[in-house]
Amino acid sequence: MSNPPLIEQIAERVERLLVRHEELHRTNELLTQQLQALTHERDSLKSRLMAARARVDALIDRLPAAASVLPAEPAPDQQETAS
């Protein structure tokens, strides 16, 4: 068995490297697309969260002021028992 000439070994290695480069390039493009989609989804969710917070804050502001000063009922174990 004879070894292929050095130039053929180099050419084969270059071919494998080119194929690998193309695979990595395609993978990188797919990951970039996924990142863009996830960034868009995150931004959309953040926007929805901010809108929901604003609605909750508006509802809290509409609560009557007296409701916030009413004393809380004592817990059942803290109520005095009549003997």
N, C-alpha and C. Protein backbone atom coordinates (compact mmCIF):
# COMPACT_ATOMS: atom_id res chain seq x y z
N MET A 1 0.84 -1.18 0.00
CA MET A 1 0.00 0.00 0.00
C MET A 1 0.88 1.24 0.00
N SER A 2 0.61 2.09 -0.94
CA SER A 2 1.38 3.33 -1.00
C SER A 2 0.54 4.46 -0.47
N ASN A 3 1.19 5.39 0.18
CA ASN A 3 0.50 6.57 0.69
C ASN A 3 0.22 7.51 -0.47
N PRO A 4 -0.99 8.16 -0.45
CA PRO A 4 -1.26 9.13 -1.50
C PRO A 4 -0.25 10.28 -1.40
N PRO A 5 0.01 10.89 -2.51
CA PRO A 5 0.96 12.02 -2.48
C PRO A 5 0.47 13.11 -1.52
N LEU A 6 1.40 13.87 -1.01
CA LEU A 6 1.10 14.90 -0.04
C LEU A 6 0.08 15.90 -0.59
N ILE A 7 0.18 16.26 -1.84
CA ILE A 7 -0.75 17.24 -2.41
C ILE A 7 -2.17 16.71 -2.39
N GLU A 8 -2.36 15.40 -2.60
CA GLU A 8 -3.70 14.81 -2.55
C GLU A 8 -4.24 14.80 -1.12
N GLN A 9 -3.37 14.52 -0.16
CA GLN A 9 -3.78 14.56 1.24
C GLN A 9 -4.23 15.97 1.63
N ILE A 10 -3.47 16.94 1.18
CA ILE A 10 -3.81 18.34 1.49
C ILE A 10 -5.13 18.71 0.82
N ALA A 11 -5.31 18.31 -0.44
CA ALA A 11 -6.53 18.62 -1.18
C ALA A 11 -7.74 17.99 -0.49
N GLU A 12 -7.60 16.74 -0.04
CA GLU A 12 -8.70 16.07 0.66
C GLU A 12 -9.04 16.79 1.96
N ARG A 13 -8.00 17.18 2.66
CA ARG A 13 -8.22 17.90 3.94
C ARG A 13 -8.91 19.24 3.69
N VAL A 14 -8.51 19.95 2.66
CA VAL A 14 -9.13 21.23 2.32
C VAL A 14 -10.60 21.02 1.97
N GLU A 15 -10.90 19.96 1.23
CA GLU A 15 -12.30 19.65 0.88
C GLU A 15 -13.13 19.41 2.13
N ARG A 16 -12.59 18.63 3.07
CA ARG A 16 -13.31 18.37 4.32
C ARG A 16 -13.51 19.66 5.11
N LEU A 17 -12.50 20.51 5.12
CA LEU A 17 -12.62 21.78 5.83
C LEU A 17 -13.67 22.68 5.18
N LEU A 18 -13.74 22.67 3.86
CA LEU A 18 -14.75 23.47 3.16
C LEU A 18 -16.15 22.98 3.48
N VAL A 19 -16.33 21.66 3.51
CA VAL A 19 -17.64 21.10 3.85
C VAL A 19 -18.01 21.48 5.28
N ARG A 20 -17.06 21.36 6.19
CA ARG A 20 -17.31 21.71 7.59
C ARG A 20 -17.63 23.20 7.72
N HIS A 21 -16.91 24.03 6.99
CA HIS A 21 -17.17 25.47 7.01
C HIS A 21 -18.59 25.77 6.56
N GLU A 22 -19.03 25.12 5.50
CA GLU A 22 -20.39 25.33 4.99
C GLU A 22 -21.43 24.88 6.02
N GLU A 23 -21.19 23.74 6.67
CA GLU A 23 -22.11 23.27 7.71
C GLU A 23 -22.21 24.28 8.85
N LEU A 24 -21.06 24.78 9.29
CA LEU A 24 -21.05 25.75 10.38
C LEU A 24 -21.72 27.05 9.97
N HIS A 25 -21.54 27.43 8.73
CA HIS A 25 -22.17 28.65 8.23
C HIS A 25 -23.69 28.51 8.25
N ARG A 26 -24.20 27.37 7.79
CA ARG A 26 -25.65 27.13 7.81
C ARG A 26 -26.17 27.09 9.25
N THR A 27 -25.43 26.43 10.12
CA THR A 27 -25.83 26.37 11.54
C THR A 27 -25.87 27.76 12.13
N ASN A 28 -24.88 28.57 11.82
CA ASN A 28 -24.83 29.94 12.33
C ASN A 28 -26.03 30.74 11.83
N GLU A 29 -26.39 30.58 10.57
CA GLU A 29 -27.56 31.29 10.03
C GLU A 29 -28.83 30.87 10.76
N LEU A 30 -28.99 29.57 11.00
CA LEU A 30 -30.18 29.08 11.70
C LEU A 30 -30.22 29.62 13.13
N LEU A 31 -29.08 29.61 13.81
CA LEU A 31 -29.04 30.13 15.17
C LEU A 31 -29.32 31.63 15.22
N THR A 32 -28.86 32.35 14.22
CA THR A 32 -29.14 33.79 14.14
C THR A 32 -30.64 34.03 13.97
N GLN A 33 -31.27 33.23 13.12
CA GLN A 33 -32.72 33.35 12.93
C GLN A 33 -33.48 33.02 14.22
N GLN A 34 -33.04 31.97 14.91
CA GLN A 34 -33.69 31.61 16.18
C GLN A 34 -33.52 32.72 17.20
N LEU A 35 -32.33 33.29 17.26
CA LEU A 35 -32.08 34.38 18.20
C LEU A 35 -32.97 35.58 17.91
N GLN A 36 -33.12 35.91 16.64
CA GLN A 36 -33.99 37.03 16.27
C GLN A 36 -35.44 36.74 16.65
N ALA A 37 -35.90 35.51 16.41
CA ALA A 37 -37.28 35.15 16.75
C ALA A 37 -37.49 35.21 18.26
N LEU A 38 -36.53 34.70 19.02
CA LEU A 38 -36.67 34.71 20.47
C LEU A 38 -36.57 36.13 21.03
N THR A 39 -35.74 36.94 20.44
CA THR A 39 -35.65 38.34 20.88
C THR A 39 -36.96 39.06 20.62
N HIS A 40 -37.55 38.81 19.46
CA HIS A 40 -38.85 39.41 19.14
C HIS A 40 -39.92 38.93 20.12
N GLU A 41 -39.92 37.63 20.41
CA GLU A 41 -40.90 37.08 21.35
C GLU A 41 -40.71 37.68 22.74
N ARG A 42 -39.46 37.80 23.18
CA ARG A 42 -39.17 38.38 24.49
C ARG A 42 -39.67 39.82 24.56
N ASP A 43 -39.37 40.59 23.51
CA ASP A 43 -39.81 41.99 23.49
C ASP A 43 -41.33 42.09 23.52
N SER A 44 -41.99 41.19 22.81
CA SER A 44 -43.45 41.18 22.80
C SER A 44 -44.00 40.84 24.19
N LEU A 45 -43.39 39.85 24.83
CA LEU A 45 -43.84 39.48 26.17
C LEU A 45 -43.59 40.59 27.19
N LYS A 46 -42.45 41.27 27.06
CA LYS A 46 -42.17 42.39 27.95
C LYS A 46 -43.19 43.50 27.76
N SER A 47 -43.56 43.75 26.52
CA SER A 47 -44.55 44.78 26.22
C SER A 47 -45.91 44.40 26.82
N ARG A 48 -46.29 43.13 26.66
CA ARG A 48 -47.56 42.68 27.23
C ARG A 48 -47.54 42.75 28.74
N LEU A 49 -46.41 42.42 29.35
CA LEU A 49 -46.28 42.50 30.80
C LEU A 49 -46.43 43.93 31.29
N MET A 50 -45.79 44.86 30.59
CA MET A 50 -45.90 46.27 30.98
C MET A 50 -47.34 46.75 30.85
N ALA A 51 -48.03 46.34 29.80
CA ALA A 51 -49.43 46.73 29.62
C ALA A 51 -50.29 46.14 30.74
N ALA A 52 -50.04 44.89 31.10
CA ALA A 52 -50.81 44.27 32.18
C ALA A 52 -50.54 44.97 33.51
N ARG A 53 -49.29 45.31 33.75
CA ARG A 53 -48.96 46.05 34.98
C ARG A 53 -49.68 47.39 35.03
N ALA A 54 -49.71 48.07 33.89
CA ALA A 54 -50.39 49.36 33.84
C ALA A 54 -51.88 49.20 34.13
N ARG A 55 -52.49 48.12 33.59
CA ARG A 55 -53.91 47.88 33.86
C ARG A 55 -54.14 47.58 35.34
N VAL A 56 -53.27 46.78 35.94
CA VAL A 56 -53.41 46.45 37.37
C VAL A 56 -53.24 47.72 38.20
N ASP A 57 -52.24 48.53 37.87
CA ASP A 57 -52.04 49.79 38.60
C ASP A 57 -53.26 50.69 38.47
N ALA A 58 -53.85 50.75 37.28
CA ALA A 58 -55.04 51.57 37.09
C ALA A 58 -56.21 51.04 37.92
N LEU A 59 -56.34 49.73 38.00
CA LEU A 59 -57.40 49.15 38.82
C LEU A 59 -57.16 49.45 40.30
N ILE A 60 -55.92 49.36 40.74
CA ILE A 60 -55.60 49.66 42.14
C ILE A 60 -55.92 51.12 42.44
N ASP A 61 -55.59 52.01 41.51
CA ASP A 61 -55.87 53.44 41.72
C ASP A 61 -57.38 53.70 41.80
N ARG A 62 -58.19 52.87 41.18
CA ARG A 62 -59.64 53.07 41.20
C ARG A 62 -60.29 52.54 42.46
N LEU A 63 -59.55 51.74 43.26
CA LEU A 63 -60.13 51.22 44.50
C LEU A 63 -60.44 52.37 45.43
N PRO A 64 -61.54 52.26 46.17
CA PRO A 64 -61.86 53.34 47.11
C PRO A 64 -60.77 53.45 48.18
N ALA A 65 -60.54 54.68 48.59
CA ALA A 65 -59.49 54.92 49.59
C ALA A 65 -59.84 54.26 50.91
N ALA A 66 -61.11 54.19 51.27
CA ALA A 66 -61.52 53.61 52.54
C ALA A 66 -61.18 52.13 52.62
N ALA A 67 -61.13 51.44 51.50
CA ALA A 67 -60.85 50.01 51.51
C ALA A 67 -59.43 49.75 52.01
N SER A 68 -58.54 50.67 51.82
CA SER A 68 -57.16 50.45 52.24
C SER A 68 -56.96 50.73 53.73
N VAL A 69 -57.92 51.39 54.41
CA VAL A 69 -57.76 51.69 55.82
C VAL A 69 -58.63 50.83 56.72
N LEU A 70 -59.42 49.94 56.15
CA LEU A 70 -60.24 49.05 56.96
C LEU A 70 -59.34 48.10 57.74
N PRO A 71 -59.65 47.88 59.03
CA PRO A 71 -58.82 46.95 59.80
C PRO A 71 -59.03 45.53 59.29
N ALA A 72 -57.99 44.78 59.32
CA ALA A 72 -58.08 43.38 58.90
C ALA A 72 -58.72 42.58 60.02
N GLU A 73 -59.48 41.56 59.64
CA GLU A 73 -60.09 40.71 60.65
C GLU A 73 -59.00 39.86 61.29
N PRO A 74 -59.08 39.65 62.60
CA PRO A 74 -58.06 38.80 63.24
C PRO A 74 -58.22 37.35 62.78
N ALA A 75 -57.13 36.66 62.79
CA ALA A 75 -57.15 35.26 62.40
C ALA A 75 -57.97 34.50 63.43
N PRO A 76 -58.61 33.36 63.04
CA PRO A 76 -59.47 32.61 63.96
C PRO A 76 -58.76 32.22 65.26
N ASP A 77 -57.48 31.90 65.21
CA ASP A 77 -56.79 31.50 66.44
C ASP A 77 -56.46 32.70 67.34
N GLN A 78 -56.61 33.91 66.83
CA GLN A 78 -56.33 35.10 67.63
C GLN A 78 -57.59 35.71 68.22
N GLN A 79 -58.77 35.22 67.84
CA GLN A 79 -60.01 35.75 68.38
C GLN A 79 -60.20 35.26 69.81
N GLU A 80 -60.72 36.14 70.65
CA GLU A 80 -60.94 35.75 72.05
C GLU A 80 -62.12 34.80 72.11
N THR A 81 -61.98 33.81 72.93
CA THR A 81 -63.08 32.86 73.11
C THR A 81 -63.82 33.20 74.38
N ALA A 82 -65.12 33.13 74.33
CA ALA A 82 -65.96 33.44 75.49
C ALA A 82 -66.01 32.23 76.38
N SER A 83 -65.75 32.41 77.69
CA SER A 83 -65.78 31.28 78.63
C SER A 83 -66.94 31.39 79.56
